[in-house]
Every structure is written in structure tokens, then in C-alpha cells.
Amino acid sequence: MSNFNQKDINTAIFAETLFLANLLLIPIIPFLILLYLFKQYFHKKDSIAYNHIRQTLIASVFAGIFIIIIAVVFYFFSATSAGITWTIIITYITCVHSVFVMLGIYGLSKAMSGQLVKFPLIQHI
């Protein structure tokens, strides 16, 4: 077990659950709750809760950019037929979305075990 207090561990678990809910259930509302939690824990930068909240918030922004904006840009700038365009967009969204879901599951398992998380490529931001 870790040396973090249980309240912070529960908040970390909640943050990871919100990240997964944002991806799988209802977008936007869990993201807004993550923003609120980030504001609440901003002064506790050494806590496990802040670590998980920050990672999930950054990952949510990247997910929005990769899933929505790139797919929309590809659709509007595609010169191929509609069938091929939609096949490529759906395949792209499925693959990218799955990566973010797996990151969320990984983060949730780390939070449940009371460990800090560092998502790949996000840890230096």
C-alpha cells in the first residue's frame, strides 16, 4: 500500500472514473468536474489526487483534439469518396479512442493501488 491518505486515493480513483465516463458515457460534464477538481487540488501538487487529476485533464484535452478536431479536419479536407472517407474516419476514431480508454483503465488501476500515474507523452507537459 502507499503512503498517501485515503481521501486523496479516493479522489484519484474518482478522477480516473470521470476520465473514463468522459470517454465512454457522457462527454463534457465529467470534464467540467475534472476542471473543478483541478482547481480544488492545484495547491496540493505533491498529492496522488493532483497527479491523477492533472494526467486525466491533459489526456481529456488530447482526446478531444485527436478524436474530434482531427476527424473533422480530415472530413472537410478529404478528396476521396464519402464511403472511403467515413470508413477512414470511423477506423481512426475507433483506434484513437481505444488508446485513451486503455490509458484510463491503466490510470484507474494505478489509482486503486495508491500509486502515482504518468501517461506516456503527457508526463513532461
N, C-alpha and C. Protein backbone atom coordinates (compact mmCIF):
# COMPACT_ATOMS: atom_id res chain seq x y z
N MET A 1 0.84 -1.18 0.00
CA MET A 1 0.00 0.00 0.00
C MET A 1 0.88 1.24 0.00
N SER A 2 0.30 2.34 -0.30
CA SER A 2 1.06 3.58 -0.44
C SER A 2 1.02 4.40 0.85
N ASN A 3 1.77 5.49 0.82
CA ASN A 3 1.80 6.37 1.98
C ASN A 3 0.89 7.58 1.80
N PHE A 4 -0.01 7.54 0.82
CA PHE A 4 -0.97 8.62 0.61
C PHE A 4 -2.20 8.39 1.47
N ASN A 5 -2.89 9.48 1.83
CA ASN A 5 -4.09 9.30 2.65
C ASN A 5 -5.25 8.80 1.78
N GLN A 6 -6.21 8.16 2.43
CA GLN A 6 -7.30 7.50 1.73
C GLN A 6 -8.19 8.48 0.97
N LYS A 7 -8.37 9.68 1.50
CA LYS A 7 -9.20 10.68 0.82
C LYS A 7 -8.60 11.05 -0.54
N ASP A 8 -7.28 11.24 -0.57
CA ASP A 8 -6.63 11.57 -1.83
C ASP A 8 -6.66 10.40 -2.81
N ILE A 9 -6.53 9.18 -2.29
CA ILE A 9 -6.61 8.00 -3.15
C ILE A 9 -8.02 7.89 -3.75
N ASN A 10 -9.04 8.12 -2.92
CA ASN A 10 -10.41 8.07 -3.43
C ASN A 10 -10.66 9.16 -4.47
N THR A 11 -10.08 10.33 -4.27
CA THR A 11 -10.22 11.40 -5.26
C THR A 11 -9.51 11.03 -6.55
N ALA A 12 -8.35 10.37 -6.46
CA ALA A 12 -7.63 9.91 -7.65
C ALA A 12 -8.48 8.88 -8.41
N ILE A 13 -9.10 7.97 -7.68
CA ILE A 13 -9.97 6.98 -8.31
C ILE A 13 -11.15 7.67 -8.98
N PHE A 14 -11.71 8.67 -8.31
CA PHE A 14 -12.83 9.43 -8.87
C PHE A 14 -12.40 10.15 -10.15
N ALA A 15 -11.21 10.73 -10.16
CA ALA A 15 -10.71 11.43 -11.34
C ALA A 15 -10.57 10.48 -12.53
N GLU A 16 -10.02 9.31 -12.28
CA GLU A 16 -9.87 8.32 -13.35
C GLU A 16 -11.23 7.84 -13.84
N THR A 17 -12.17 7.68 -12.92
CA THR A 17 -13.53 7.28 -13.30
C THR A 17 -14.19 8.37 -14.14
N LEU A 18 -13.98 9.62 -13.77
CA LEU A 18 -14.51 10.72 -14.58
C LEU A 18 -13.91 10.73 -15.98
N PHE A 19 -12.62 10.46 -16.08
CA PHE A 19 -11.97 10.40 -17.38
C PHE A 19 -12.61 9.33 -18.26
N LEU A 20 -12.83 8.15 -17.67
CA LEU A 20 -13.47 7.08 -18.44
C LEU A 20 -14.93 7.42 -18.77
N ALA A 21 -15.62 8.06 -17.85
CA ALA A 21 -17.01 8.47 -18.12
C ALA A 21 -17.05 9.50 -19.25
N ASN A 22 -16.07 10.39 -19.27
CA ASN A 22 -15.99 11.39 -20.33
C ASN A 22 -15.80 10.72 -21.69
N LEU A 23 -15.03 9.65 -21.72
CA LEU A 23 -14.79 8.93 -22.98
C LEU A 23 -15.93 8.00 -23.37
N LEU A 24 -16.55 7.35 -22.39
CA LEU A 24 -17.47 6.26 -22.69
C LEU A 24 -18.95 6.55 -22.49
N LEU A 25 -19.27 7.48 -21.58
CA LEU A 25 -20.68 7.69 -21.25
C LEU A 25 -21.21 9.03 -21.73
N ILE A 26 -20.80 10.08 -21.06
CA ILE A 26 -21.30 11.42 -21.38
C ILE A 26 -20.14 12.41 -21.44
N PRO A 27 -19.84 12.90 -22.61
CA PRO A 27 -18.74 13.88 -22.68
C PRO A 27 -19.14 15.21 -22.06
N ILE A 28 -18.20 16.03 -21.77
CA ILE A 28 -18.28 17.39 -21.27
C ILE A 28 -18.52 17.47 -19.76
N ILE A 29 -19.59 16.87 -19.24
CA ILE A 29 -19.90 17.01 -17.82
C ILE A 29 -18.77 16.45 -16.94
N PRO A 30 -18.27 15.23 -17.18
CA PRO A 30 -17.14 14.77 -16.37
C PRO A 30 -15.89 15.65 -16.55
N PHE A 31 -15.70 16.18 -17.74
CA PHE A 31 -14.57 17.08 -17.99
C PHE A 31 -14.68 18.34 -17.13
N LEU A 32 -15.87 18.89 -17.04
CA LEU A 32 -16.08 20.08 -16.21
C LEU A 32 -15.85 19.78 -14.73
N ILE A 33 -16.23 18.60 -14.30
CA ILE A 33 -15.96 18.19 -12.91
C ILE A 33 -14.46 18.04 -12.68
N LEU A 34 -13.75 17.50 -13.68
CA LEU A 34 -12.28 17.41 -13.58
C LEU A 34 -11.65 18.79 -13.46
N LEU A 35 -12.16 19.75 -14.21
CA LEU A 35 -11.66 21.12 -14.10
C LEU A 35 -11.87 21.67 -12.70
N TYR A 36 -13.03 21.40 -12.14
CA TYR A 36 -13.32 21.85 -10.78
C TYR A 36 -12.37 21.18 -9.77
N LEU A 37 -12.16 19.88 -9.92
CA LEU A 37 -11.24 19.18 -9.02
C LEU A 37 -9.81 19.70 -9.17
N PHE A 38 -9.42 20.01 -10.40
CA PHE A 38 -8.09 20.55 -10.63
C PHE A 38 -7.91 21.86 -9.87
N LYS A 39 -8.93 22.68 -9.92
CA LYS A 39 -8.89 23.95 -9.18
C LYS A 39 -8.79 23.70 -7.67
N GLN A 40 -9.50 22.71 -7.16
CA GLN A 40 -9.50 22.40 -5.74
C GLN A 40 -8.16 21.85 -5.27
N TYR A 41 -7.49 21.07 -6.11
CA TYR A 41 -6.25 20.40 -5.71
C TYR A 41 -5.00 21.06 -6.26
N PHE A 42 -5.14 22.21 -6.90
CA PHE A 42 -3.99 22.88 -7.52
C PHE A 42 -2.89 23.20 -6.51
N HIS A 43 -3.26 23.49 -5.28
CA HIS A 43 -2.27 23.84 -4.25
C HIS A 43 -1.63 22.60 -3.60
N LYS A 44 -2.13 21.40 -3.91
CA LYS A 44 -1.58 20.16 -3.34
C LYS A 44 -0.85 19.36 -4.43
N LYS A 45 0.17 19.95 -5.00
CA LYS A 45 0.85 19.34 -6.14
C LYS A 45 1.57 18.04 -5.83
N ASP A 46 1.82 17.76 -4.58
CA ASP A 46 2.51 16.52 -4.24
C ASP A 46 1.54 15.39 -3.87
N SER A 47 0.25 15.61 -4.00
CA SER A 47 -0.72 14.58 -3.64
C SER A 47 -1.00 13.66 -4.82
N ILE A 48 -1.44 12.46 -4.50
CA ILE A 48 -1.82 11.50 -5.54
C ILE A 48 -3.05 12.00 -6.29
N ALA A 49 -3.94 12.69 -5.61
CA ALA A 49 -5.14 13.21 -6.26
C ALA A 49 -4.77 14.20 -7.36
N TYR A 50 -3.87 15.13 -7.04
CA TYR A 50 -3.45 16.12 -8.04
C TYR A 50 -2.80 15.43 -9.23
N ASN A 51 -1.96 14.45 -8.96
CA ASN A 51 -1.29 13.72 -10.04
C ASN A 51 -2.30 13.11 -11.00
N HIS A 52 -3.29 12.41 -10.48
CA HIS A 52 -4.28 11.75 -11.33
C HIS A 52 -5.21 12.75 -12.00
N ILE A 53 -5.60 13.78 -11.28
CA ILE A 53 -6.47 14.81 -11.87
C ILE A 53 -5.76 15.49 -13.03
N ARG A 54 -4.50 15.86 -12.83
CA ARG A 54 -3.74 16.56 -13.87
C ARG A 54 -3.56 15.67 -15.10
N GLN A 55 -3.20 14.41 -14.88
CA GLN A 55 -2.99 13.50 -16.00
C GLN A 55 -4.29 13.28 -16.78
N THR A 56 -5.39 13.10 -16.08
CA THR A 56 -6.66 12.85 -16.78
C THR A 56 -7.16 14.11 -17.48
N LEU A 57 -6.91 15.26 -16.91
CA LEU A 57 -7.33 16.51 -17.55
C LEU A 57 -6.56 16.73 -18.85
N ILE A 58 -5.26 16.55 -18.81
CA ILE A 58 -4.45 16.70 -20.02
C ILE A 58 -4.84 15.64 -21.05
N ALA A 59 -5.04 14.41 -20.61
CA ALA A 59 -5.44 13.34 -21.53
C ALA A 59 -6.81 13.63 -22.14
N SER A 60 -7.71 14.23 -21.38
CA SER A 60 -9.03 14.58 -21.91
C SER A 60 -8.92 15.63 -23.02
N VAL A 61 -8.05 16.59 -22.82
CA VAL A 61 -7.84 17.62 -23.85
C VAL A 61 -7.26 16.98 -25.11
N PHE A 62 -6.25 16.13 -24.93
CA PHE A 62 -5.67 15.43 -26.09
C PHE A 62 -6.71 14.55 -26.78
N ALA A 63 -7.53 13.87 -26.01
CA ALA A 63 -8.56 13.01 -26.59
C ALA A 63 -9.52 13.85 -27.43
N GLY A 64 -9.92 15.00 -26.91
CA GLY A 64 -10.80 15.87 -27.67
C GLY A 64 -10.16 16.34 -28.96
N ILE A 65 -8.89 16.70 -28.89
CA ILE A 65 -8.19 17.15 -30.08
C ILE A 65 -8.06 16.02 -31.09
N PHE A 66 -7.58 14.86 -30.63
CA PHE A 66 -7.34 13.76 -31.55
C PHE A 66 -8.62 13.16 -32.11
N ILE A 67 -9.64 13.04 -31.28
CA ILE A 67 -10.85 12.36 -31.72
C ILE A 67 -11.75 13.29 -32.53
N ILE A 68 -11.96 14.48 -32.06
CA ILE A 68 -12.93 15.36 -32.70
C ILE A 68 -12.30 16.24 -33.78
N ILE A 69 -11.33 17.03 -33.40
CA ILE A 69 -10.80 18.03 -34.33
C ILE A 69 -10.11 17.39 -35.53
N ILE A 70 -9.28 16.40 -35.32
CA ILE A 70 -8.59 15.78 -36.45
C ILE A 70 -9.57 15.06 -37.37
N ALA A 71 -10.58 14.41 -36.80
CA ALA A 71 -11.58 13.74 -37.64
C ALA A 71 -12.38 14.75 -38.47
N VAL A 72 -12.74 15.87 -37.87
CA VAL A 72 -13.48 16.91 -38.59
C VAL A 72 -12.61 17.52 -39.69
N VAL A 73 -11.37 17.80 -39.36
CA VAL A 73 -10.44 18.36 -40.37
C VAL A 73 -10.27 17.36 -41.51
N PHE A 74 -10.09 16.10 -41.18
CA PHE A 74 -9.93 15.10 -42.23
C PHE A 74 -11.17 15.04 -43.11
N TYR A 75 -12.34 15.11 -42.51
CA TYR A 75 -13.58 15.06 -43.28
C TYR A 75 -13.68 16.23 -44.26
N PHE A 76 -13.38 17.42 -43.81
CA PHE A 76 -13.53 18.59 -44.66
C PHE A 76 -12.44 18.73 -45.72
N PHE A 77 -11.29 18.14 -45.49
CA PHE A 77 -10.21 18.25 -46.46
C PHE A 77 -9.98 16.96 -47.25
N SER A 78 -10.86 16.01 -47.10
CA SER A 78 -10.73 14.74 -47.80
C SER A 78 -11.20 14.90 -49.24
N ALA A 79 -10.42 14.34 -50.14
CA ALA A 79 -10.77 14.40 -51.56
C ALA A 79 -11.32 13.06 -52.05
N THR A 80 -11.46 12.12 -51.15
CA THR A 80 -11.94 10.80 -51.54
C THR A 80 -13.46 10.73 -51.47
N SER A 81 -14.01 9.64 -51.91
CA SER A 81 -15.47 9.48 -51.90
C SER A 81 -15.99 9.39 -50.47
N ALA A 82 -17.26 9.62 -50.30
CA ALA A 82 -17.87 9.65 -48.97
C ALA A 82 -17.73 8.32 -48.23
N GLY A 83 -17.87 7.22 -48.92
CA GLY A 83 -17.75 5.91 -48.28
C GLY A 83 -16.36 5.66 -47.73
N ILE A 84 -15.37 5.97 -48.52
CA ILE A 84 -13.99 5.78 -48.07
C ILE A 84 -13.66 6.75 -46.94
N THR A 85 -14.11 7.98 -47.07
CA THR A 85 -13.85 8.98 -46.03
C THR A 85 -14.42 8.53 -44.69
N TRP A 86 -15.68 8.09 -44.68
CA TRP A 86 -16.29 7.66 -43.42
C TRP A 86 -15.64 6.40 -42.87
N THR A 87 -15.22 5.50 -43.74
CA THR A 87 -14.52 4.29 -43.27
C THR A 87 -13.22 4.67 -42.58
N ILE A 88 -12.47 5.57 -43.17
CA ILE A 88 -11.20 6.01 -42.58
C ILE A 88 -11.45 6.75 -41.27
N ILE A 89 -12.44 7.63 -41.25
CA ILE A 89 -12.72 8.40 -40.02
C ILE A 89 -13.17 7.48 -38.89
N ILE A 90 -14.05 6.54 -39.16
CA ILE A 90 -14.53 5.64 -38.12
C ILE A 90 -13.40 4.74 -37.62
N THR A 91 -12.56 4.24 -38.52
CA THR A 91 -11.42 3.43 -38.11
C THR A 91 -10.46 4.25 -37.25
N TYR A 92 -10.17 5.46 -37.69
CA TYR A 92 -9.28 6.35 -36.94
C TYR A 92 -9.83 6.62 -35.54
N ILE A 93 -11.11 7.01 -35.45
CA ILE A 93 -11.71 7.32 -34.15
C ILE A 93 -11.71 6.09 -33.25
N THR A 94 -12.02 4.93 -33.80
CA THR A 94 -12.04 3.71 -33.00
C THR A 94 -10.66 3.40 -32.43
N CYS A 95 -9.64 3.52 -33.24
CA CYS A 95 -8.27 3.22 -32.77
C CYS A 95 -7.80 4.23 -31.73
N VAL A 96 -7.99 5.51 -32.01
CA VAL A 96 -7.54 6.56 -31.07
C VAL A 96 -8.35 6.48 -29.78
N HIS A 97 -9.64 6.31 -29.90
CA HIS A 97 -10.50 6.23 -28.72
C HIS A 97 -10.09 5.05 -27.84
N SER A 98 -9.79 3.92 -28.45
CA SER A 98 -9.37 2.73 -27.70
C SER A 98 -8.09 2.98 -26.92
N VAL A 99 -7.16 3.72 -27.50
CA VAL A 99 -5.92 4.04 -26.80
C VAL A 99 -6.21 4.85 -25.54
N PHE A 100 -7.08 5.84 -25.66
CA PHE A 100 -7.40 6.66 -24.49
C PHE A 100 -8.18 5.87 -23.43
N VAL A 101 -9.04 4.96 -23.86
CA VAL A 101 -9.75 4.11 -22.89
C VAL A 101 -8.75 3.23 -22.14
N MET A 102 -7.78 2.68 -22.85
CA MET A 102 -6.76 1.84 -22.20
C MET A 102 -5.92 2.67 -21.22
N LEU A 103 -5.60 3.92 -21.57
CA LEU A 103 -4.89 4.79 -20.64
C LEU A 103 -5.73 5.04 -19.39
N GLY A 104 -7.04 5.21 -19.58
CA GLY A 104 -7.92 5.41 -18.43
C GLY A 104 -7.98 4.18 -17.53
N ILE A 105 -8.02 3.01 -18.12
CA ILE A 105 -8.03 1.78 -17.33
C ILE A 105 -6.70 1.62 -16.59
N TYR A 106 -5.61 1.93 -17.26
CA TYR A 106 -4.30 1.88 -16.63
C TYR A 106 -4.23 2.86 -15.45
N GLY A 107 -4.70 4.09 -15.67
CA GLY A 107 -4.70 5.08 -14.60
C GLY A 107 -5.59 4.68 -13.44
N LEU A 108 -6.74 4.09 -13.75
CA LEU A 108 -7.65 3.65 -12.69
C LEU A 108 -7.01 2.54 -11.86
N SER A 109 -6.32 1.64 -12.50
CA SER A 109 -5.66 0.57 -11.74
C SER A 109 -4.55 1.13 -10.85
N LYS A 110 -3.82 2.13 -11.36
CA LYS A 110 -2.78 2.78 -10.55
C LYS A 110 -3.41 3.51 -9.36
N ALA A 111 -4.52 4.21 -9.58
CA ALA A 111 -5.20 4.94 -8.50
C ALA A 111 -5.72 3.97 -7.45
N MET A 112 -6.29 2.87 -7.88
CA MET A 112 -6.84 1.90 -6.94
C MET A 112 -5.74 1.24 -6.10
N SER A 113 -4.54 1.18 -6.64
CA SER A 113 -3.43 0.61 -5.87
C SER A 113 -2.66 1.68 -5.11
N GLY A 114 -3.12 2.94 -5.17
CA GLY A 114 -2.50 4.01 -4.42
C GLY A 114 -1.17 4.47 -4.99
N GLN A 115 -1.02 4.36 -6.30
CA GLN A 115 0.24 4.74 -6.96
C GLN A 115 0.04 5.95 -7.86
N LEU A 116 1.10 6.71 -8.06
CA LEU A 116 1.08 7.82 -8.99
C LEU A 116 1.02 7.28 -10.42
N VAL A 117 0.55 8.10 -11.33
CA VAL A 117 0.46 7.68 -12.72
C VAL A 117 1.16 8.70 -13.60
N LYS A 118 1.77 8.20 -14.66
CA LYS A 118 2.38 9.05 -15.68
C LYS A 118 2.01 8.46 -17.03
N PHE A 119 1.06 9.10 -17.70
CA PHE A 119 0.69 8.63 -19.02
C PHE A 119 1.83 8.94 -19.99
N PRO A 120 2.08 8.04 -20.94
CA PRO A 120 3.13 8.31 -21.92
C PRO A 120 2.87 9.61 -22.68
N LEU A 121 3.91 10.34 -22.95
CA LEU A 121 3.90 11.61 -23.69
C LEU A 121 3.24 12.75 -22.93
N ILE A 122 2.58 12.50 -21.83
CA ILE A 122 1.94 13.56 -21.05
C ILE A 122 2.79 13.95 -19.85
N GLN A 123 3.66 13.07 -19.43
CA GLN A 123 4.40 13.28 -18.20
C GLN A 123 5.28 14.52 -18.23
N HIS A 124 5.66 15.01 -19.39
CA HIS A 124 6.56 16.17 -19.45
C HIS A 124 5.82 17.48 -19.69
N ILE A 125 4.51 17.43 -19.77
CA ILE A 125 3.72 18.64 -20.03
C ILE A 125 3.35 19.28 -18.73
